[in-house]
Amino acid sequence: TGWVPWMPIKTALAEGLASANEALRLDSENAEAYLVRGVVKTFMFEQTQGRPDMDRARELAPGSVDVMNYLRGAERLKRQAMALDPLFFVHPGNLATILRAQGRPGDALAMGNRSVSLGGADFGNIEVYFAQLRLGDLDAARQSSAKVCAEAGAGSRVCLVSQATLNKASGDEVASILAKLDARAASGADEGAPAFDLI
């Protein structure tokens, strides 16, 4: 399956913001509404405006795994979320992203594999791939890229990005892949899609 948007991201963000504002109008102590509003603002590249909402959500619901999941900057909080909700594949997948950003690809690989083992193959394999690439294990990265493409589809953004980032891809291959990514973006297929780093 996979994480597939069912409406344009701009529509989803506008509706999410309107819903969160209405929920807060009805209940000014609604932690989930603060969380949603903070997440929406973050996705709209308004992190400064979204941060107080995220902080308020954490104040109101400090033990909520949903709140911890979206406060992704903190490894400690992600590990707390994993301890509270150990069978949810998203937590180790998100932690893999954090560890990779910290320059710890070996640890990121372990968390990506953990996400896969918990049933999050479509989510975890891209993290496994990026960790393998950072570790310089190109053969393993190629195999993981093939898994990503098999799960998400050959024309999917994550497949194309994984193919484009393989170090031994020729210039022509990369140009062709980037053209496909541009075409997807132009059609609106990837509007607001996560910006997987290109290593």
N, C-alpha and C. Protein backbone atom coordinates (compact mmCIF):
# COMPACT_ATOMS: atom_id res chain seq x y z
N THR A 1 0.85 -1.19 0.00
CA THR A 1 0.00 0.00 0.00
C THR A 1 0.89 1.24 0.00
N GLY A 2 0.98 1.94 1.09
CA GLY A 2 1.85 3.10 1.15
C GLY A 2 1.12 4.32 1.65
N TRP A 3 1.89 5.39 1.83
CA TRP A 3 1.34 6.66 2.28
C TRP A 3 0.97 7.46 1.04
N VAL A 4 -0.29 7.41 0.66
CA VAL A 4 -0.73 8.06 -0.57
C VAL A 4 -1.74 9.16 -0.22
N PRO A 5 -1.47 10.41 -0.62
CA PRO A 5 -2.44 11.47 -0.33
C PRO A 5 -3.73 11.24 -1.10
N TRP A 6 -4.87 11.46 -0.45
CA TRP A 6 -6.15 11.24 -1.12
C TRP A 6 -6.80 12.55 -1.52
N MET A 7 -6.16 13.67 -1.23
CA MET A 7 -6.63 14.96 -1.71
C MET A 7 -5.41 15.85 -1.89
N PRO A 8 -5.51 16.91 -2.69
CA PRO A 8 -4.36 17.79 -2.86
C PRO A 8 -3.89 18.33 -1.51
N ILE A 9 -2.59 18.43 -1.35
CA ILE A 9 -2.02 18.80 -0.05
C ILE A 9 -2.51 20.18 0.40
N LYS A 10 -2.65 21.13 -0.53
CA LYS A 10 -3.13 22.46 -0.13
C LYS A 10 -4.53 22.38 0.45
N THR A 11 -5.38 21.54 -0.14
CA THR A 11 -6.74 21.36 0.37
C THR A 11 -6.70 20.71 1.75
N ALA A 12 -5.88 19.69 1.89
CA ALA A 12 -5.78 19.00 3.17
C ALA A 12 -5.28 19.94 4.27
N LEU A 13 -4.28 20.76 3.96
CA LEU A 13 -3.74 21.69 4.95
C LEU A 13 -4.78 22.74 5.33
N ALA A 14 -5.49 23.28 4.35
CA ALA A 14 -6.52 24.28 4.64
C ALA A 14 -7.63 23.69 5.50
N GLU A 15 -8.06 22.48 5.16
CA GLU A 15 -9.12 21.84 5.95
C GLU A 15 -8.63 21.47 7.34
N GLY A 16 -7.38 21.01 7.44
CA GLY A 16 -6.82 20.70 8.75
C GLY A 16 -6.74 21.92 9.64
N LEU A 17 -6.31 23.04 9.07
CA LEU A 17 -6.20 24.28 9.84
C LEU A 17 -7.58 24.76 10.29
N ALA A 18 -8.55 24.72 9.38
CA ALA A 18 -9.91 25.15 9.73
C ALA A 18 -10.50 24.25 10.82
N SER A 19 -10.28 22.95 10.71
CA SER A 19 -10.80 22.02 11.71
C SER A 19 -10.15 22.23 13.07
N ALA A 20 -8.83 22.45 13.08
CA ALA A 20 -8.13 22.68 14.34
C ALA A 20 -8.61 23.97 14.99
N ASN A 21 -8.78 25.03 14.20
CA ASN A 21 -9.26 26.30 14.75
C ASN A 21 -10.67 26.16 15.33
N GLU A 22 -11.52 25.41 14.63
CA GLU A 22 -12.88 25.20 15.14
C GLU A 22 -12.86 24.37 16.43
N ALA A 23 -12.02 23.36 16.47
CA ALA A 23 -11.91 22.54 17.68
C ALA A 23 -11.43 23.38 18.85
N LEU A 24 -10.49 24.27 18.61
CA LEU A 24 -9.98 25.13 19.68
C LEU A 24 -11.00 26.19 20.09
N ARG A 25 -11.85 26.59 19.16
CA ARG A 25 -12.92 27.52 19.52
C ARG A 25 -13.89 26.84 20.49
N LEU A 26 -14.12 25.54 20.26
CA LEU A 26 -15.04 24.78 21.11
C LEU A 26 -14.39 24.34 22.42
N ASP A 27 -13.08 24.09 22.39
CA ASP A 27 -12.36 23.61 23.57
C ASP A 27 -10.93 24.13 23.51
N SER A 28 -10.66 25.17 24.27
CA SER A 28 -9.34 25.81 24.21
C SER A 28 -8.24 24.98 24.85
N GLU A 29 -8.58 23.83 25.41
CA GLU A 29 -7.58 22.94 26.03
C GLU A 29 -7.43 21.64 25.25
N ASN A 30 -7.79 21.63 23.99
CA ASN A 30 -7.75 20.44 23.16
C ASN A 30 -6.33 20.23 22.61
N ALA A 31 -5.61 19.30 23.22
CA ALA A 31 -4.21 19.06 22.84
C ALA A 31 -4.09 18.62 21.39
N GLU A 32 -4.99 17.75 20.94
CA GLU A 32 -4.92 17.27 19.56
C GLU A 32 -5.12 18.40 18.55
N ALA A 33 -5.99 19.35 18.88
CA ALA A 33 -6.21 20.48 17.97
C ALA A 33 -4.96 21.35 17.89
N TYR A 34 -4.30 21.57 19.03
CA TYR A 34 -3.04 22.32 19.00
C TYR A 34 -2.00 21.58 18.17
N LEU A 35 -1.96 20.26 18.35
CA LEU A 35 -1.01 19.44 17.60
C LEU A 35 -1.27 19.56 16.09
N VAL A 36 -2.52 19.40 15.70
CA VAL A 36 -2.87 19.47 14.28
C VAL A 36 -2.51 20.84 13.72
N ARG A 37 -2.87 21.90 14.45
CA ARG A 37 -2.58 23.24 13.96
C ARG A 37 -1.07 23.47 13.84
N GLY A 38 -0.31 22.97 14.82
CA GLY A 38 1.14 23.11 14.74
C GLY A 38 1.74 22.33 13.58
N VAL A 39 1.24 21.12 13.35
CA VAL A 39 1.74 20.31 12.24
C VAL A 39 1.40 20.96 10.92
N VAL A 40 0.17 21.45 10.78
CA VAL A 40 -0.23 22.10 9.53
C VAL A 40 0.65 23.31 9.26
N LYS A 41 0.89 24.13 10.27
CA LYS A 41 1.74 25.31 10.08
C LYS A 41 3.15 24.90 9.69
N THR A 42 3.64 23.82 10.28
CA THR A 42 4.98 23.34 9.93
C THR A 42 5.03 22.90 8.47
N PHE A 43 3.99 22.17 8.02
CA PHE A 43 3.94 21.75 6.62
C PHE A 43 3.79 22.92 5.67
N MET A 44 3.27 24.04 6.19
CA MET A 44 3.12 25.25 5.38
C MET A 44 4.38 26.12 5.47
N PHE A 45 5.46 25.54 6.02
CA PHE A 45 6.74 26.23 6.19
C PHE A 45 6.62 27.45 7.11
N GLU A 46 5.73 27.34 8.08
CA GLU A 46 5.55 28.39 9.08
C GLU A 46 5.91 27.82 10.46
N GLN A 47 7.15 27.26 10.55
CA GLN A 47 7.57 26.61 11.77
C GLN A 47 7.53 27.54 12.98
N THR A 48 7.89 28.80 12.78
CA THR A 48 7.90 29.74 13.89
C THR A 48 6.50 29.93 14.45
N GLN A 49 5.51 30.01 13.57
CA GLN A 49 4.14 30.17 14.02
C GLN A 49 3.57 28.86 14.59
N GLY A 50 4.06 27.73 14.09
CA GLY A 50 3.55 26.44 14.56
C GLY A 50 4.15 25.98 15.87
N ARG A 51 5.33 26.46 16.21
CA ARG A 51 6.02 25.98 17.41
C ARG A 51 5.22 26.20 18.71
N PRO A 52 4.61 27.37 18.92
CA PRO A 52 3.83 27.53 20.16
C PRO A 52 2.67 26.52 20.27
N ASP A 53 2.05 26.19 19.13
CA ASP A 53 0.98 25.19 19.16
C ASP A 53 1.53 23.82 19.53
N MET A 54 2.68 23.46 18.98
CA MET A 54 3.30 22.17 19.31
C MET A 54 3.67 22.13 20.80
N ASP A 55 4.23 23.24 21.29
CA ASP A 55 4.59 23.31 22.71
C ASP A 55 3.37 23.20 23.60
N ARG A 56 2.28 23.86 23.19
CA ARG A 56 1.05 23.80 23.99
C ARG A 56 0.48 22.38 23.97
N ALA A 57 0.53 21.71 22.85
CA ALA A 57 0.06 20.32 22.78
C ALA A 57 0.86 19.45 23.74
N ARG A 58 2.16 19.68 23.79
CA ARG A 58 3.01 18.89 24.70
C ARG A 58 2.69 19.20 26.15
N GLU A 59 2.41 20.47 26.48
CA GLU A 59 2.04 20.84 27.85
C GLU A 59 0.74 20.15 28.27
N LEU A 60 -0.23 20.12 27.36
CA LEU A 60 -1.54 19.55 27.68
C LEU A 60 -1.53 18.02 27.68
N ALA A 61 -0.67 17.41 26.86
CA ALA A 61 -0.66 15.94 26.75
C ALA A 61 0.78 15.44 26.67
N PRO A 62 1.54 15.57 27.76
CA PRO A 62 2.97 15.21 27.71
C PRO A 62 3.23 13.73 27.44
N GLY A 63 2.26 12.87 27.69
CA GLY A 63 2.45 11.44 27.46
C GLY A 63 1.88 10.95 26.15
N SER A 64 1.39 11.85 25.31
CA SER A 64 0.77 11.45 24.05
C SER A 64 1.83 11.04 23.04
N VAL A 65 1.72 9.82 22.52
CA VAL A 65 2.67 9.37 21.51
C VAL A 65 2.49 10.15 20.21
N ASP A 66 1.29 10.64 19.95
CA ASP A 66 1.08 11.45 18.76
C ASP A 66 1.87 12.75 18.85
N VAL A 67 1.83 13.39 20.01
CA VAL A 67 2.61 14.61 20.20
C VAL A 67 4.09 14.32 20.06
N MET A 68 4.55 13.26 20.68
CA MET A 68 5.97 12.89 20.59
C MET A 68 6.38 12.59 19.15
N ASN A 69 5.48 11.97 18.41
CA ASN A 69 5.78 11.61 17.03
C ASN A 69 6.08 12.83 16.17
N TYR A 70 5.38 13.93 16.43
CA TYR A 70 5.58 15.11 15.61
C TYR A 70 6.66 16.05 16.11
N LEU A 71 7.12 15.85 17.32
CA LEU A 71 8.26 16.63 17.80
C LEU A 71 9.51 15.86 17.43
N ARG A 72 9.77 15.79 16.13
CA ARG A 72 10.77 14.88 15.60
C ARG A 72 12.20 15.32 15.84
N GLY A 73 12.41 16.53 16.26
CA GLY A 73 13.77 17.00 16.44
C GLY A 73 14.48 16.37 17.61
N ALA A 74 13.76 15.70 18.48
CA ALA A 74 14.36 15.19 19.69
C ALA A 74 14.41 13.67 19.70
N GLU A 75 15.62 13.14 19.66
CA GLU A 75 15.79 11.68 19.70
C GLU A 75 15.18 11.10 20.98
N ARG A 76 15.36 11.80 22.08
CA ARG A 76 14.86 11.31 23.37
C ARG A 76 13.34 11.13 23.32
N LEU A 77 12.65 12.11 22.75
CA LEU A 77 11.19 12.01 22.68
C LEU A 77 10.75 10.87 21.77
N LYS A 78 11.46 10.67 20.67
CA LYS A 78 11.10 9.57 19.78
C LYS A 78 11.31 8.23 20.47
N ARG A 79 12.39 8.13 21.25
CA ARG A 79 12.61 6.88 21.99
C ARG A 79 11.53 6.67 23.05
N GLN A 80 11.07 7.76 23.65
CA GLN A 80 9.96 7.66 24.60
C GLN A 80 8.71 7.15 23.89
N ALA A 81 8.43 7.69 22.73
CA ALA A 81 7.26 7.26 21.97
C ALA A 81 7.37 5.78 21.63
N MET A 82 8.57 5.32 21.27
CA MET A 82 8.77 3.91 20.96
C MET A 82 8.53 3.04 22.19
N ALA A 83 8.95 3.52 23.36
CA ALA A 83 8.75 2.75 24.59
C ALA A 83 7.27 2.64 24.93
N LEU A 84 6.52 3.72 24.69
CA LEU A 84 5.09 3.73 24.99
C LEU A 84 4.26 2.99 23.94
N ASP A 85 4.75 2.96 22.72
CA ASP A 85 4.00 2.37 21.60
C ASP A 85 4.98 1.54 20.76
N PRO A 86 5.49 0.43 21.33
CA PRO A 86 6.61 -0.29 20.71
C PRO A 86 6.29 -1.03 19.42
N LEU A 87 5.03 -1.20 19.08
CA LEU A 87 4.69 -1.97 17.89
C LEU A 87 4.32 -1.10 16.68
N PHE A 88 4.42 0.22 16.82
CA PHE A 88 4.05 1.12 15.73
C PHE A 88 5.28 1.42 14.90
N PHE A 89 5.25 1.04 13.62
CA PHE A 89 6.42 1.14 12.76
C PHE A 89 6.87 2.57 12.46
N VAL A 90 5.98 3.54 12.63
CA VAL A 90 6.33 4.92 12.31
C VAL A 90 7.42 5.45 13.23
N HIS A 91 7.38 5.08 14.52
CA HIS A 91 8.35 5.63 15.47
C HIS A 91 9.80 5.27 15.11
N PRO A 92 10.13 3.99 14.88
CA PRO A 92 11.52 3.72 14.49
C PRO A 92 11.87 4.29 13.12
N GLY A 93 10.89 4.39 12.22
CA GLY A 93 11.16 5.01 10.92
C GLY A 93 11.51 6.48 11.08
N ASN A 94 10.76 7.18 11.92
CA ASN A 94 11.06 8.59 12.16
C ASN A 94 12.39 8.75 12.89
N LEU A 95 12.67 7.84 13.83
CA LEU A 95 13.94 7.91 14.54
C LEU A 95 15.10 7.67 13.58
N ALA A 96 14.89 6.81 12.60
CA ALA A 96 15.93 6.58 11.59
C ALA A 96 16.26 7.89 10.86
N THR A 97 15.23 8.66 10.54
CA THR A 97 15.45 9.95 9.88
C THR A 97 16.26 10.88 10.77
N ILE A 98 15.93 10.92 12.04
CA ILE A 98 16.64 11.77 13.00
C ILE A 98 18.10 11.34 13.10
N LEU A 99 18.33 10.05 13.24
CA LEU A 99 19.70 9.53 13.40
C LEU A 99 20.52 9.77 12.14
N ARG A 100 19.89 9.62 10.98
CA ARG A 100 20.59 9.89 9.73
C ARG A 100 20.99 11.35 9.65
N ALA A 101 20.08 12.24 10.08
CA ALA A 101 20.39 13.67 10.07
C ALA A 101 21.51 14.01 11.05
N GLN A 102 21.66 13.19 12.09
CA GLN A 102 22.72 13.39 13.07
C GLN A 102 24.05 12.79 12.61
N GLY A 103 24.06 12.20 11.42
CA GLY A 103 25.29 11.59 10.93
C GLY A 103 25.57 10.23 11.53
N ARG A 104 24.53 9.49 11.89
CA ARG A 104 24.66 8.17 12.51
C ARG A 104 23.97 7.12 11.65
N PRO A 105 24.51 6.86 10.45
CA PRO A 105 23.82 5.96 9.53
C PRO A 105 23.70 4.52 10.03
N GLY A 106 24.65 4.05 10.81
CA GLY A 106 24.55 2.69 11.34
C GLY A 106 23.36 2.54 12.27
N ASP A 107 23.17 3.51 13.14
CA ASP A 107 22.01 3.50 14.03
C ASP A 107 20.72 3.69 13.24
N ALA A 108 20.78 4.55 12.21
CA ALA A 108 19.60 4.77 11.36
C ALA A 108 19.21 3.48 10.65
N LEU A 109 20.20 2.73 10.19
CA LEU A 109 19.93 1.45 9.52
C LEU A 109 19.20 0.50 10.45
N ALA A 110 19.64 0.43 11.70
CA ALA A 110 18.99 -0.46 12.67
C ALA A 110 17.53 -0.06 12.89
N MET A 111 17.28 1.24 12.97
CA MET A 111 15.90 1.70 13.18
C MET A 111 15.05 1.51 11.92
N GLY A 112 15.64 1.72 10.74
CA GLY A 112 14.90 1.46 9.51
C GLY A 112 14.50 -0.01 9.42
N ASN A 113 15.43 -0.89 9.75
CA ASN A 113 15.13 -2.33 9.75
C ASN A 113 14.07 -2.68 10.78
N ARG A 114 14.12 -2.01 11.92
CA ARG A 114 13.10 -2.25 12.95
C ARG A 114 11.72 -1.84 12.43
N SER A 115 11.65 -0.70 11.74
CA SER A 115 10.39 -0.25 11.16
C SER A 115 9.85 -1.29 10.19
N VAL A 116 10.74 -1.81 9.35
CA VAL A 116 10.34 -2.84 8.38
C VAL A 116 9.83 -4.08 9.11
N SER A 117 10.53 -4.50 10.15
CA SER A 117 10.14 -5.72 10.88
C SER A 117 8.79 -5.57 11.58
N LEU A 118 8.39 -4.32 11.86
CA LEU A 118 7.09 -4.08 12.50
C LEU A 118 5.97 -3.92 11.49
N GLY A 119 6.27 -4.10 10.21
CA GLY A 119 5.24 -4.04 9.19
C GLY A 119 5.24 -2.76 8.37
N GLY A 120 6.23 -1.92 8.58
CA GLY A 120 6.29 -0.66 7.85
C GLY A 120 7.25 -0.69 6.70
N ALA A 121 7.19 -1.74 5.88
CA ALA A 121 8.16 -1.88 4.78
C ALA A 121 8.13 -0.69 3.85
N ASP A 122 6.93 -0.23 3.50
CA ASP A 122 6.85 0.89 2.57
C ASP A 122 7.39 2.17 3.18
N PHE A 123 7.40 2.25 4.49
CA PHE A 123 7.90 3.41 5.21
C PHE A 123 9.36 3.24 5.60
N GLY A 124 9.71 2.04 6.06
CA GLY A 124 11.05 1.79 6.58
C GLY A 124 12.11 1.53 5.53
N ASN A 125 11.73 0.94 4.40
CA ASN A 125 12.74 0.60 3.40
C ASN A 125 13.45 1.81 2.81
N ILE A 126 12.76 2.95 2.72
CA ILE A 126 13.45 4.14 2.21
C ILE A 126 14.50 4.59 3.21
N GLU A 127 14.22 4.44 4.50
CA GLU A 127 15.22 4.78 5.53
C GLU A 127 16.38 3.79 5.50
N VAL A 128 16.07 2.51 5.30
CA VAL A 128 17.13 1.51 5.16
C VAL A 128 18.02 1.87 3.97
N TYR A 129 17.38 2.21 2.86
CA TYR A 129 18.11 2.58 1.66
C TYR A 129 19.07 3.75 1.91
N PHE A 130 18.53 4.86 2.48
CA PHE A 130 19.37 6.04 2.71
C PHE A 130 20.52 5.74 3.67
N ALA A 131 20.25 4.92 4.70
CA ALA A 131 21.32 4.55 5.64
C ALA A 131 22.40 3.74 4.94
N GLN A 132 21.99 2.78 4.12
CA GLN A 132 22.98 1.96 3.38
C GLN A 132 23.80 2.83 2.44
N LEU A 133 23.15 3.77 1.80
CA LEU A 133 23.86 4.67 0.89
C LEU A 133 24.88 5.49 1.65
N ARG A 134 24.48 6.01 2.81
CA ARG A 134 25.41 6.80 3.63
C ARG A 134 26.57 5.95 4.13
N LEU A 135 26.31 4.68 4.36
CA LEU A 135 27.36 3.76 4.82
C LEU A 135 28.26 3.30 3.68
N GLY A 136 27.89 3.64 2.45
CA GLY A 136 28.69 3.25 1.29
C GLY A 136 28.46 1.83 0.83
N ASP A 137 27.40 1.19 1.29
CA ASP A 137 27.08 -0.18 0.89
C ASP A 137 26.16 -0.12 -0.33
N LEU A 138 26.76 0.10 -1.50
CA LEU A 138 25.98 0.34 -2.72
C LEU A 138 25.18 -0.88 -3.17
N ASP A 139 25.74 -2.08 -2.99
CA ASP A 139 25.00 -3.28 -3.39
C ASP A 139 23.72 -3.42 -2.58
N ALA A 140 23.84 -3.25 -1.27
CA ALA A 140 22.66 -3.32 -0.41
C ALA A 140 21.69 -2.19 -0.74
N ALA A 141 22.21 -0.99 -1.02
CA ALA A 141 21.35 0.15 -1.35
C ALA A 141 20.58 -0.11 -2.64
N ARG A 142 21.22 -0.74 -3.62
CA ARG A 142 20.52 -1.08 -4.87
C ARG A 142 19.37 -2.05 -4.59
N GLN A 143 19.63 -3.03 -3.74
CA GLN A 143 18.59 -3.99 -3.40
C GLN A 143 17.43 -3.30 -2.68
N SER A 144 17.77 -2.38 -1.77
CA SER A 144 16.72 -1.66 -1.05
C SER A 144 15.95 -0.74 -1.98
N SER A 145 16.64 -0.09 -2.92
CA SER A 145 15.97 0.75 -3.90
C SER A 145 14.97 -0.08 -4.70
N ALA A 146 15.37 -1.30 -5.07
CA ALA A 146 14.46 -2.18 -5.81
C ALA A 146 13.23 -2.52 -4.97
N LYS A 147 13.42 -2.73 -3.66
CA LYS A 147 12.28 -3.00 -2.77
C LYS A 147 11.35 -1.79 -2.70
N VAL A 148 11.96 -0.60 -2.56
CA VAL A 148 11.17 0.63 -2.50
C VAL A 148 10.33 0.76 -3.77
N CYS A 149 10.96 0.52 -4.92
CA CYS A 149 10.25 0.66 -6.20
C CYS A 149 9.16 -0.41 -6.36
N ALA A 150 9.43 -1.62 -5.88
CA ALA A 150 8.43 -2.68 -5.96
C ALA A 150 7.22 -2.35 -5.10
N GLU A 151 7.47 -1.76 -3.92
CA GLU A 151 6.36 -1.45 -3.01
C GLU A 151 5.60 -0.20 -3.41
N ALA A 152 6.33 0.84 -3.79
CA ALA A 152 5.69 2.13 -4.05
C ALA A 152 5.31 2.33 -5.52
N GLY A 153 5.90 1.55 -6.40
CA GLY A 153 5.65 1.69 -7.83
C GLY A 153 6.82 2.36 -8.52
N ALA A 154 7.11 1.91 -9.74
CA ALA A 154 8.29 2.40 -10.46
C ALA A 154 8.23 3.89 -10.75
N GLY A 155 7.04 4.46 -10.86
CA GLY A 155 6.93 5.88 -11.14
C GLY A 155 6.72 6.74 -9.91
N SER A 156 6.79 6.12 -8.72
CA SER A 156 6.55 6.87 -7.49
C SER A 156 7.72 7.79 -7.17
N ARG A 157 7.45 8.81 -6.40
CA ARG A 157 8.50 9.77 -6.05
C ARG A 157 9.62 9.08 -5.28
N VAL A 158 9.28 8.25 -4.28
CA VAL A 158 10.34 7.63 -3.48
C VAL A 158 11.20 6.70 -4.33
N CYS A 159 10.58 6.02 -5.28
CA CYS A 159 11.36 5.16 -6.18
C CYS A 159 12.31 6.00 -7.02
N LEU A 160 11.77 7.05 -7.63
CA LEU A 160 12.60 7.89 -8.49
C LEU A 160 13.73 8.55 -7.71
N VAL A 161 13.44 9.02 -6.50
CA VAL A 161 14.48 9.64 -5.67
C VAL A 161 15.55 8.61 -5.30
N SER A 162 15.12 7.41 -4.94
CA SER A 162 16.12 6.39 -4.58
C SER A 162 17.00 6.05 -5.77
N GLN A 163 16.42 5.99 -6.97
CA GLN A 163 17.22 5.71 -8.16
C GLN A 163 18.17 6.85 -8.47
N ALA A 164 17.71 8.09 -8.30
CA ALA A 164 18.53 9.25 -8.63
C ALA A 164 19.73 9.40 -7.70
N THR A 165 19.61 8.89 -6.49
CA THR A 165 20.68 9.10 -5.51
C THR A 165 21.72 7.99 -5.48
N LEU A 166 21.50 6.94 -6.24
CA LEU A 166 22.53 5.91 -6.28
C LEU A 166 23.80 6.48 -6.90
N ASN A 167 24.90 6.37 -6.20
CA ASN A 167 26.16 7.01 -6.60
C ASN A 167 26.64 6.62 -7.99
N LYS A 168 26.36 5.41 -8.43
CA LYS A 168 26.91 4.96 -9.71
C LYS A 168 25.95 5.14 -10.87
N ALA A 169 24.85 5.86 -10.64
CA ALA A 169 23.94 6.12 -11.76
C ALA A 169 24.64 7.06 -12.73
N SER A 170 24.45 6.82 -14.02
CA SER A 170 25.11 7.68 -15.01
C SER A 170 24.41 9.02 -15.07
N GLY A 171 25.08 10.01 -15.64
CA GLY A 171 24.50 11.34 -15.78
C GLY A 171 23.19 11.31 -16.55
N ASP A 172 23.12 10.48 -17.61
CA ASP A 172 21.91 10.37 -18.42
C ASP A 172 20.75 9.80 -17.59
N GLU A 173 21.07 8.78 -16.77
CA GLU A 173 20.03 8.18 -15.94
C GLU A 173 19.48 9.20 -14.95
N VAL A 174 20.37 9.94 -14.31
CA VAL A 174 19.94 10.92 -13.32
C VAL A 174 19.10 12.00 -14.00
N ALA A 175 19.54 12.47 -15.19
CA ALA A 175 18.78 13.50 -15.91
C ALA A 175 17.38 13.00 -16.24
N SER A 176 17.27 11.74 -16.66
CA SER A 176 15.98 11.17 -17.00
C SER A 176 15.08 11.07 -15.76
N ILE A 177 15.66 10.65 -14.65
CA ILE A 177 14.90 10.51 -13.41
C ILE A 177 14.45 11.88 -12.91
N LEU A 178 15.35 12.85 -12.96
CA LEU A 178 14.98 14.20 -12.51
C LEU A 178 13.88 14.78 -13.41
N ALA A 179 13.90 14.48 -14.69
CA ALA A 179 12.85 14.94 -15.59
C ALA A 179 11.50 14.33 -15.18
N LYS A 180 11.51 13.06 -14.79
CA LYS A 180 10.28 12.41 -14.33
C LYS A 180 9.78 13.05 -13.04
N LEU A 181 10.71 13.37 -12.13
CA LEU A 181 10.32 14.04 -10.88
C LEU A 181 9.73 15.42 -11.17
N ASP A 182 10.36 16.15 -12.11
CA ASP A 182 9.83 17.45 -12.50
C ASP A 182 8.43 17.32 -13.08
N ALA A 183 8.21 16.29 -13.90
CA ALA A 183 6.89 16.08 -14.51
C ALA A 183 5.85 15.78 -13.43
N ARG A 184 6.23 14.98 -12.44
CA ARG A 184 5.30 14.68 -11.33
C ARG A 184 4.96 15.96 -10.58
N ALA A 185 5.99 16.77 -10.30
CA ALA A 185 5.76 18.02 -9.57
C ALA A 185 4.87 18.96 -10.38
N ALA A 186 5.10 19.05 -11.69
CA ALA A 186 4.32 19.93 -12.55
C ALA A 186 2.85 19.51 -12.60
N SER A 187 2.61 18.19 -12.49
CA SER A 187 1.24 17.70 -12.54
C SER A 187 0.53 17.83 -11.19
N GLY A 188 1.29 18.22 -10.15
CA GLY A 188 0.72 18.33 -8.82
C GLY A 188 0.73 17.03 -8.05
N ALA A 189 1.30 15.97 -8.64
CA ALA A 189 1.29 14.67 -7.98
C ALA A 189 2.08 14.67 -6.68
N ASP A 190 3.12 15.51 -6.59
CA ASP A 190 3.97 15.51 -5.40
C ASP A 190 3.89 16.81 -4.63
N GLU A 191 2.82 17.57 -4.83
CA GLU A 191 2.71 18.85 -4.16
C GLU A 191 2.79 18.66 -2.65
N GLY A 192 3.78 19.28 -2.04
CA GLY A 192 3.95 19.18 -0.60
C GLY A 192 4.55 17.87 -0.14
N ALA A 193 5.07 17.06 -1.05
CA ALA A 193 5.65 15.77 -0.66
C ALA A 193 6.88 16.00 0.18
N PRO A 194 7.19 15.04 1.08
CA PRO A 194 8.38 15.20 1.91
C PRO A 194 9.62 15.35 1.06
N ALA A 195 10.51 16.20 1.45
CA ALA A 195 11.73 16.46 0.68
C ALA A 195 12.81 15.49 1.14
N PHE A 196 12.80 14.27 0.62
CA PHE A 196 13.87 13.32 0.93
C PHE A 196 15.18 13.90 0.44
N ASP A 197 16.18 13.94 1.30
CA ASP A 197 17.43 14.56 0.88
C ASP A 197 18.09 13.72 -0.21
N LEU A 198 18.84 14.39 -1.05
CA LEU A 198 19.46 13.72 -2.19
C LEU A 198 20.91 13.35 -1.91
N ILE A 199 21.27 13.18 -0.66
CA ILE A 199 22.58 12.71 -0.19
C ILE A 199 23.71 13.54 -0.62
